[in-house]
Amino acid sequence: MTTRTGTMTFFRREWRFLTFGLLLTFWGSPGQTFVISLFGGHIRTDFNLSHGEFGSLYTLATLASAVFLWGTGPLVDRLPLRHMSLAAVLAMVTATAAVSLVTGPISLLIAIFAVRFMGQGLMSHISMTAMARRYEAERGRALAVASIGFSLGETLFPPLVVLGLSLTDWRNLWPVMAVLAALSLLPFLSRLVRQTENLDGPGASLSINTAREIRHWTRTEMLRDPRFYLIALVPVAQAGLITGLFFHQVHIVSLKGWALDWWSLSFSAFAGFAFMGALTSGFLVDRFRARRVVPFILLPMTVAFILLAFFDNALFAPLIMAILGFGAGLMGPGLSALWPELYGTRHLGAIRSVATVVMVFGSALGPVFMGVALDAGTALQAIALTASCLALLSAGLATLALFRP
């Protein structure tokens, strides 16, 4: 039996490994939609792309990254964590710097694929898999700390990128991000992992995942489980709808009549409430188990899209972003804790890679469908209300899967 330790005791003892997880998720930000989309207007202008064309290119790159993640995700189960994470960081730094070298749609496609695969895909996959596998009684809180990296990225990158775009050409910002990532990660990464691989002292093993008599599913077995496909609708819906909104945020903000700098500052509300959502989710998972938390994850996003549909006053921008952020924060710890809870930890890297591929697939669909709808002149209200209905439907089907007899 695994004993739950006090939160502060847990944080003090495990801060190195938790910092490792946080840094990986934070520096995956250049591969996330909320960063790439801020460059969308400049990229479309430079390469003469429509909303739909840029969305389609982005979707193709994202789908390709999902295919690669399907094959590389299980490596987390077989390779030493230190080696795997170091290789991922080096690749991410290289990919981020290479975005500045794009010369046309083809090289742009390759560059977006690289940063999406490394940032949104592999680095976050390594971080969240490591947290979920290492801890059991404190799994939710560990995943919450790692998820703070997402929140910090959402807080810092949008206003800094908008400021940078007002001062210099968009290409110059990518090497800056690459250098900062290298300086923040490479000198410390191996030490953070190595110093927490073996713990000493009384009670040091209480939070570590212990060998219990539970079934450890293989990836093939999980793919035969009907529950997985219904539960997977939760990350598909959230990733697709939020990615679609963020990818086309510049155009959507103009349709609402809001200032882009005000909207970029609203990301602070998104990030702050994502932080609160992650902590809330982590504590709820440790208290009630993930299967009781996941069915409610999409409800905040449903409310946010309804507000987006009906309210045009700019004061609603930070409120919408705060509600979206809280829901996004719930997702990381809740869903990442659900997979080991349902399927065990022995093949967690392979299993979670499928879940991540599903999420990436959802994030690929959002921009293209929303871009086509915008190009066709579909009213933003209709798009937002459709999004809220899809979120509710996905939540309902996941609830059936988790609570069926």
Protein backbone atom coordinates (compact mmCIF):
# COMPACT_ATOMS: atom_id res chain seq x y z
CA MET A 1 0.00 0.00 0.00
CA THR A 2 1.22 3.49 -0.84
CA THR A 3 1.01 6.18 1.82
CA ARG A 4 0.10 9.76 0.96
CA THR A 5 2.67 12.23 2.29
CA GLY A 6 2.10 15.88 3.21
CA THR A 7 2.15 18.27 0.28
CA MET A 8 4.95 20.51 1.54
CA THR A 9 7.04 17.50 2.61
CA PHE A 10 6.56 16.04 -0.82
CA PHE A 11 7.54 19.28 -2.57
CA ARG A 12 10.62 19.79 -0.41
CA ARG A 13 11.87 16.26 -0.97
CA GLU A 14 11.09 16.02 -4.67
CA TRP A 15 11.69 19.58 -5.88
CA ARG A 16 14.51 18.60 -8.25
CA PHE A 17 12.51 16.05 -10.18
CA LEU A 18 9.42 18.27 -10.16
CA THR A 19 11.50 21.16 -11.52
CA PHE A 20 12.71 18.88 -14.30
CA GLY A 21 9.11 18.20 -15.31
CA LEU A 22 8.16 21.87 -15.14
CA LEU A 23 11.11 23.00 -17.28
CA LEU A 24 10.33 20.50 -20.01
CA THR A 25 6.71 21.59 -20.31
CA PHE A 26 7.66 25.28 -20.18
CA TRP A 27 10.21 25.04 -22.98
CA GLY A 28 7.82 23.09 -25.13
CA SER A 29 5.95 26.42 -25.49
CA PRO A 30 7.57 27.48 -28.82
CA GLY A 31 5.93 24.40 -30.33
CA GLN A 32 2.50 25.22 -28.89
CA THR A 33 -0.25 26.94 -30.85
CA PHE A 34 -0.48 29.92 -28.50
CA VAL A 35 3.05 30.93 -29.57
CA ILE A 36 3.08 29.92 -33.24
CA SER A 37 -0.29 31.57 -33.91
CA LEU A 38 1.06 34.96 -32.84
CA PHE A 39 3.35 34.81 -35.86
CA GLY A 40 0.44 33.80 -38.11
CA GLY A 41 -0.30 37.21 -39.61
CA HIS A 42 3.35 37.83 -40.49
CA ILE A 43 3.79 34.33 -41.92
CA ARG A 44 0.62 34.54 -44.04
CA THR A 45 1.73 37.93 -45.37
CA ASP A 46 5.28 36.81 -46.18
CA PHE A 47 4.16 33.65 -47.96
CA ASN A 48 0.80 34.90 -49.34
CA LEU A 49 -1.30 32.30 -47.52
CA SER A 50 -5.02 32.47 -46.71
CA HIS A 51 -6.43 31.48 -43.33
CA GLY A 52 -7.47 28.11 -44.74
CA GLU A 53 -4.16 27.50 -46.50
CA PHE A 54 -2.12 28.30 -43.41
CA GLY A 55 -4.49 26.20 -41.30
CA SER A 56 -4.13 23.27 -43.71
CA LEU A 57 -0.34 23.53 -43.68
CA TYR A 58 -0.37 23.68 -39.89
CA THR A 59 -2.67 20.67 -39.74
CA LEU A 60 -0.44 18.62 -42.05
CA ALA A 61 2.63 19.42 -39.94
CA THR A 62 0.77 18.57 -36.75
CA LEU A 63 -0.53 15.26 -38.11
CA ALA A 64 2.99 14.34 -39.21
CA SER A 65 4.23 15.07 -35.70
CA ALA A 66 1.53 12.75 -34.33
CA VAL A 67 2.71 9.95 -36.61
CA PHE A 68 6.29 10.36 -35.40
CA LEU A 69 5.17 10.51 -31.78
CA TRP A 70 3.38 7.17 -32.17
CA GLY A 71 6.76 5.57 -32.87
CA THR A 72 8.98 7.57 -30.54
CA GLY A 73 6.68 7.83 -27.50
CA PRO A 74 7.35 4.24 -26.29
CA LEU A 75 11.07 5.03 -26.09
CA VAL A 76 10.34 6.59 -22.69
CA ASP A 77 9.69 3.04 -21.45
CA ARG A 78 13.06 1.75 -22.66
CA LEU A 79 15.68 4.52 -22.63
CA PRO A 80 17.20 6.14 -19.52
CA LEU A 81 15.21 9.28 -18.72
CA ARG A 82 18.34 11.43 -18.60
CA HIS A 83 19.41 10.43 -22.12
CA MET A 84 15.91 10.69 -23.57
CA SER A 85 15.23 14.14 -22.15
CA LEU A 86 18.65 15.51 -23.12
CA ALA A 87 18.21 14.35 -26.72
CA ALA A 88 14.73 15.89 -26.84
CA VAL A 89 15.97 19.24 -25.53
CA LEU A 90 18.81 19.38 -28.05
CA ALA A 91 16.40 18.60 -30.86
CA MET A 92 13.93 21.23 -29.63
CA VAL A 93 16.59 23.92 -29.44
CA THR A 94 17.73 23.10 -32.97
CA ALA A 95 14.18 23.08 -34.34
CA THR A 96 13.33 26.40 -32.69
CA ALA A 97 16.40 28.12 -34.14
CA ALA A 98 15.68 26.64 -37.59
CA VAL A 99 12.28 28.39 -37.86
CA SER A 100 14.16 31.61 -38.66
CA LEU A 101 15.56 29.99 -41.83
CA VAL A 102 12.28 29.22 -43.60
CA THR A 103 12.08 30.51 -47.17
CA GLY A 104 8.75 29.21 -48.42
CA PRO A 105 5.75 26.98 -47.71
CA ILE A 106 7.74 23.72 -47.88
CA SER A 107 10.44 24.76 -45.44
CA LEU A 108 7.75 26.36 -43.28
CA LEU A 109 5.92 23.02 -43.19
CA ILE A 110 9.10 21.23 -42.09
CA ALA A 111 9.89 23.84 -39.44
CA ILE A 112 6.40 23.77 -37.95
CA PHE A 113 6.49 19.97 -37.94
CA ALA A 114 9.79 20.00 -36.03
CA VAL A 115 8.74 22.44 -33.29
CA ARG A 116 5.30 20.84 -32.97
CA PHE A 117 6.74 17.34 -32.69
CA MET A 118 9.36 18.32 -30.13
CA GLY A 119 7.46 20.99 -28.20
CA GLN A 120 3.81 20.01 -28.12
CA GLY A 121 4.61 16.33 -28.52
CA LEU A 122 7.76 14.73 -27.18
CA MET A 123 8.92 17.12 -24.45
CA SER A 124 5.54 17.30 -22.76
CA HIS A 125 5.13 13.54 -23.22
CA ILE A 126 8.43 12.84 -21.47
CA SER A 127 7.60 15.21 -18.61
CA MET A 128 4.10 13.98 -17.89
CA THR A 129 5.00 10.30 -18.33
CA ALA A 130 7.89 10.66 -15.90
CA MET A 131 5.65 12.30 -13.28
CA ALA A 132 2.84 9.75 -13.66
CA ARG A 133 5.18 6.76 -13.53
CA ARG A 134 7.33 7.88 -10.62
CA TYR A 135 4.56 8.73 -8.15
CA GLU A 136 1.37 7.05 -7.05
CA ALA A 137 -0.13 8.59 -3.90
CA GLU A 138 1.10 12.06 -4.99
CA ARG A 139 0.68 11.50 -8.73
CA GLY A 140 -1.92 14.24 -9.12
CA ARG A 141 0.19 16.86 -7.36
CA ALA A 142 3.33 15.89 -9.27
CA LEU A 143 1.47 16.21 -12.57
CA ALA A 144 0.06 19.54 -11.39
CA VAL A 145 3.56 20.90 -10.79
CA ALA A 146 4.72 19.74 -14.21
CA SER A 147 1.62 21.37 -15.73
CA ILE A 148 2.65 24.70 -14.21
CA GLY A 149 5.22 24.84 -17.01
CA PHE A 150 2.35 25.18 -19.49
CA SER A 151 0.84 27.98 -17.42
CA LEU A 152 4.13 29.86 -17.16
CA GLY A 153 4.59 29.59 -20.91
CA GLU A 154 1.09 30.92 -21.51
CA THR A 155 1.82 33.80 -19.14
CA LEU A 156 5.20 34.87 -20.47
CA PHE A 157 5.38 34.04 -24.16
CA PRO A 158 2.34 35.88 -25.63
CA PRO A 159 3.07 39.39 -24.28
CA LEU A 160 6.81 39.00 -24.88
CA VAL A 161 6.29 37.78 -28.44
CA VAL A 162 3.83 40.60 -29.19
CA LEU A 163 6.40 43.07 -27.79
CA GLY A 164 9.18 41.45 -29.82
CA LEU A 165 7.13 41.63 -33.02
CA SER A 166 6.70 45.37 -32.48
CA LEU A 167 10.48 45.79 -32.28
CA THR A 168 11.98 43.43 -34.85
CA ASP A 169 11.28 41.01 -37.68
CA TRP A 170 9.46 37.83 -36.64
CA ARG A 171 12.36 35.64 -37.80
CA ASN A 172 14.70 37.16 -35.23
CA LEU A 173 12.64 35.97 -32.26
CA TRP A 174 13.08 32.25 -32.88
CA PRO A 175 16.87 32.10 -32.36
CA VAL A 176 16.40 34.14 -29.17
CA MET A 177 13.95 31.54 -27.84
CA ALA A 178 16.35 28.74 -28.82
CA VAL A 179 19.28 30.31 -26.97
CA LEU A 180 17.22 30.96 -23.85
CA ALA A 181 15.95 27.37 -23.87
CA ALA A 182 19.49 26.02 -24.17
CA LEU A 183 20.76 28.18 -21.32
CA SER A 184 17.83 27.28 -19.06
CA LEU A 185 17.89 23.53 -19.68
CA LEU A 186 21.18 22.08 -20.82
CA PRO A 187 23.38 23.00 -17.82
CA PHE A 188 20.88 21.61 -15.28
CA LEU A 189 18.84 18.84 -16.88
CA SER A 190 21.04 15.84 -16.14
CA ARG A 191 21.63 16.95 -12.57
CA LEU A 192 17.93 17.41 -11.85
CA VAL A 193 17.19 13.90 -13.05
CA ARG A 194 20.27 12.20 -11.58
CA GLN A 195 19.94 13.61 -8.07
CA THR A 196 16.41 12.31 -7.66
CA GLU A 197 16.84 8.83 -9.13
CA ASN A 198 17.66 7.35 -5.70
CA LEU A 199 16.19 8.74 -2.51
CA ASP A 200 17.54 8.27 0.99
CA GLY A 201 16.18 8.94 4.44
CA PRO A 202 13.22 7.80 6.49
CA GLY A 203 9.96 7.71 4.57
CA ALA A 204 11.68 8.53 1.31
CA SER A 205 9.91 5.80 -0.58
CA LEU A 206 6.39 6.68 0.51
CA SER A 207 5.53 8.67 -2.59
CA ILE A 208 7.28 6.44 -5.09
CA ASN A 209 5.17 4.24 -7.30
CA THR A 210 5.21 0.80 -5.70
CA ALA A 211 4.70 -2.59 -7.29
CA ARG A 212 1.11 -3.59 -6.69
CA GLU A 213 -1.01 -6.42 -7.92
CA ILE A 214 -2.56 -4.48 -10.76
CA ARG A 215 -2.84 -5.31 -14.42
CA HIS A 216 -0.35 -3.53 -16.66
CA TRP A 217 -1.92 -3.28 -20.09
CA THR A 218 0.12 -3.22 -23.27
CA ARG A 219 -0.62 -0.63 -25.92
CA THR A 220 -2.25 -3.27 -28.12
CA GLU A 221 -4.54 -4.35 -25.28
CA MET A 222 -5.51 -0.76 -24.55
CA LEU A 223 -6.40 -0.17 -28.19
CA ARG A 224 -8.89 -3.03 -27.93
CA ASP A 225 -10.61 -1.40 -24.95
CA PRO A 226 -13.78 0.47 -26.08
CA ARG A 227 -13.52 2.81 -23.09
CA PHE A 228 -10.37 4.38 -24.48
CA TYR A 229 -12.06 5.74 -27.59
CA LEU A 230 -14.85 7.42 -25.64
CA ILE A 231 -12.45 8.89 -23.08
CA ALA A 232 -10.18 10.08 -25.91
CA LEU A 233 -12.92 12.44 -27.07
CA VAL A 234 -12.08 14.65 -24.07
CA PRO A 235 -8.53 15.58 -25.21
CA VAL A 236 -9.64 15.64 -28.87
CA ALA A 237 -12.38 18.17 -28.10
CA GLN A 238 -10.28 20.37 -25.86
CA ALA A 239 -7.17 20.34 -28.03
CA GLY A 240 -9.12 20.87 -31.24
CA LEU A 241 -11.32 23.69 -30.03
CA ILE A 242 -8.75 25.63 -28.04
CA THR A 243 -6.09 25.16 -30.73
CA GLY A 244 -8.53 26.35 -33.39
CA LEU A 245 -9.35 29.43 -31.32
CA PHE A 246 -5.72 30.27 -30.56
CA PHE A 247 -4.50 29.53 -34.08
CA HIS A 248 -6.98 32.02 -35.58
CA GLN A 249 -6.93 34.34 -32.59
CA VAL A 250 -5.66 37.38 -34.51
CA HIS A 251 -8.59 37.21 -36.94
CA ILE A 252 -11.13 36.27 -34.26
CA VAL A 253 -10.01 39.15 -32.06
CA SER A 254 -10.48 41.52 -35.00
CA LEU A 255 -14.01 40.14 -35.57
CA LYS A 256 -14.83 40.86 -31.93
CA GLY A 257 -13.38 44.37 -32.24
CA TRP A 258 -10.85 43.79 -29.48
CA ALA A 259 -7.28 45.11 -29.44
CA LEU A 260 -4.63 42.41 -29.95
CA ASP A 261 -2.41 43.74 -27.17
CA TRP A 262 -5.38 43.58 -24.76
CA TRP A 263 -6.05 40.01 -25.88
CA SER A 264 -2.38 39.07 -25.44
CA LEU A 265 -2.50 40.40 -21.89
CA SER A 266 -5.58 38.26 -21.32
CA PHE A 267 -3.29 35.26 -21.67
CA SER A 268 -2.13 36.14 -18.17
CA ALA A 269 -5.67 35.38 -16.99
CA PHE A 270 -5.61 32.15 -18.99
CA ALA A 271 -2.28 31.14 -17.51
CA GLY A 272 -3.13 32.16 -13.95
CA PHE A 273 -6.35 30.19 -13.96
CA ALA A 274 -4.67 27.28 -15.74
CA PHE A 275 -2.26 27.18 -12.81
CA MET A 276 -5.22 27.14 -10.42
CA GLY A 277 -6.94 24.47 -12.51
CA ALA A 278 -3.86 22.27 -12.52
CA LEU A 279 -3.46 22.48 -8.74
CA THR A 280 -7.18 21.86 -8.26
CA SER A 281 -7.07 18.86 -10.57
CA GLY A 282 -3.96 17.48 -8.87
CA PHE A 283 -5.46 17.64 -5.40
CA LEU A 284 -8.81 16.23 -6.60
CA VAL A 285 -7.05 13.34 -8.33
CA ASP A 286 -5.11 12.46 -5.18
CA ARG A 287 -8.31 12.73 -3.12
CA PHE A 288 -10.97 11.17 -5.35
CA ARG A 289 -9.07 9.43 -8.24
CA ALA A 290 -8.82 10.63 -11.81
CA ARG A 291 -11.88 8.80 -13.12
CA ARG A 292 -14.09 11.06 -10.99
CA VAL A 293 -12.38 14.24 -12.22
CA VAL A 294 -12.08 13.70 -15.99
CA PRO A 295 -15.83 13.86 -16.84
CA PHE A 296 -15.98 17.49 -15.65
CA ILE A 297 -12.89 18.77 -17.45
CA LEU A 298 -14.73 20.12 -20.51
CA LEU A 299 -17.43 22.04 -18.64
CA PRO A 300 -15.40 25.28 -18.21
CA MET A 301 -14.56 25.33 -21.92
CA THR A 302 -18.24 24.93 -22.75
CA VAL A 303 -19.07 28.01 -20.69
CA ALA A 304 -16.20 30.01 -22.24
CA PHE A 305 -17.34 29.38 -25.82
CA ILE A 306 -20.90 30.37 -24.92
CA LEU A 307 -19.57 33.67 -23.55
CA LEU A 308 -17.48 34.12 -26.71
CA ALA A 309 -20.62 33.63 -28.79
CA PHE A 310 -22.81 36.21 -27.07
CA PHE A 311 -20.61 38.95 -25.55
CA ASP A 312 -18.61 41.49 -27.57
CA ASN A 313 -17.48 43.82 -24.79
CA ALA A 314 -13.68 43.66 -24.45
CA LEU A 315 -14.05 43.25 -20.69
CA PHE A 316 -15.21 39.70 -21.36
CA ALA A 317 -11.90 38.79 -23.02
CA PRO A 318 -9.99 38.09 -19.77
CA LEU A 319 -13.05 36.34 -18.30
CA ILE A 320 -13.29 34.02 -21.30
CA MET A 321 -9.58 33.34 -21.15
CA ALA A 322 -9.70 32.72 -17.39
CA ILE A 323 -12.45 30.12 -17.77
CA LEU A 324 -10.68 28.49 -20.72
CA GLY A 325 -7.46 28.44 -18.71
CA PHE A 326 -9.06 26.81 -15.69
CA GLY A 327 -10.42 24.02 -17.90
CA ALA A 328 -7.09 23.60 -19.65
CA GLY A 329 -5.38 23.35 -16.28
CA LEU A 330 -7.74 20.59 -15.20
CA MET A 331 -6.80 18.52 -18.23
CA GLY A 332 -3.09 17.81 -17.64
CA PRO A 333 -3.12 16.19 -14.18
CA GLY A 334 -6.56 14.67 -14.62
CA LEU A 335 -6.01 12.90 -17.91
CA SER A 336 -2.35 12.02 -17.32
CA ALA A 337 -3.29 10.38 -14.01
CA LEU A 338 -6.18 8.50 -15.60
CA TRP A 339 -4.04 6.34 -17.93
CA PRO A 340 -1.91 4.67 -15.19
CA GLU A 341 -5.05 4.39 -13.06
CA LEU A 342 -6.82 2.43 -15.81
CA TYR A 343 -3.93 0.68 -17.54
CA GLY A 344 -0.97 0.49 -15.12
CA THR A 345 2.54 1.95 -15.41
CA ARG A 346 4.74 -0.72 -16.97
CA HIS A 347 3.94 0.37 -20.53
CA LEU A 348 2.92 3.91 -19.65
CA GLY A 349 5.15 5.60 -22.23
CA ALA A 350 3.61 3.57 -25.06
CA ILE A 351 0.07 4.02 -23.73
CA ARG A 352 0.41 7.72 -23.05
CA SER A 353 1.96 8.26 -26.50
CA VAL A 354 -1.33 7.05 -28.00
CA ALA A 355 -3.24 9.51 -25.82
CA THR A 356 -0.84 12.28 -26.85
CA VAL A 357 -1.21 11.36 -30.52
CA VAL A 358 -4.99 11.59 -30.08
CA MET A 359 -4.61 15.02 -28.50
CA VAL A 360 -2.26 16.16 -31.28
CA PHE A 361 -4.73 14.83 -33.85
CA GLY A 362 -7.43 16.94 -32.25
CA SER A 363 -5.19 19.99 -32.28
CA ALA A 364 -4.57 19.37 -35.99
CA LEU A 365 -8.28 19.32 -36.83
CA GLY A 366 -9.17 22.55 -35.05
CA PRO A 367 -7.23 25.07 -37.15
CA VAL A 368 -8.23 23.66 -40.53
CA PHE A 369 -11.96 23.33 -39.81
CA MET A 370 -12.16 26.69 -38.08
CA GLY A 371 -10.09 28.25 -40.87
CA VAL A 372 -12.42 26.86 -43.54
CA ALA A 373 -15.43 28.11 -41.57
CA LEU A 374 -13.92 31.59 -41.28
CA ASP A 375 -13.00 31.67 -44.98
CA ALA A 376 -16.58 30.67 -45.81
CA GLY A 377 -17.89 33.62 -43.81
CA THR A 378 -19.52 31.55 -41.06
CA ALA A 379 -20.56 33.75 -38.16
CA LEU A 380 -18.28 33.58 -35.16
CA GLN A 381 -21.33 33.05 -32.94
CA ALA A 382 -22.26 29.90 -34.86
CA ILE A 383 -18.69 28.59 -34.63
CA ALA A 384 -18.54 29.21 -30.87
CA LEU A 385 -21.91 27.60 -30.17
CA THR A 386 -20.97 24.56 -32.23
CA ALA A 387 -17.79 24.28 -30.19
CA SER A 388 -19.73 24.33 -26.92
CA CYS A 389 -22.08 21.58 -28.15
CA LEU A 390 -19.15 19.39 -29.22
CA ALA A 391 -17.55 19.83 -25.79
CA LEU A 392 -20.73 18.78 -23.98
CA LEU A 393 -21.19 15.76 -26.22
CA SER A 394 -17.61 14.61 -25.63
CA ALA A 395 -17.96 15.03 -21.87
CA GLY A 396 -21.14 12.98 -21.85
CA LEU A 397 -19.64 10.08 -23.80
CA ALA A 398 -16.54 10.02 -21.59
CA THR A 399 -18.76 9.91 -18.51
CA LEU A 400 -20.56 6.87 -19.90
CA ALA A 401 -17.23 5.13 -20.44
CA LEU A 402 -15.88 5.83 -16.95
CA PHE A 403 -19.01 5.11 -14.95
CA ARG A 404 -20.54 2.25 -16.85
CA PRO A 405 -21.07 -0.91 -14.76
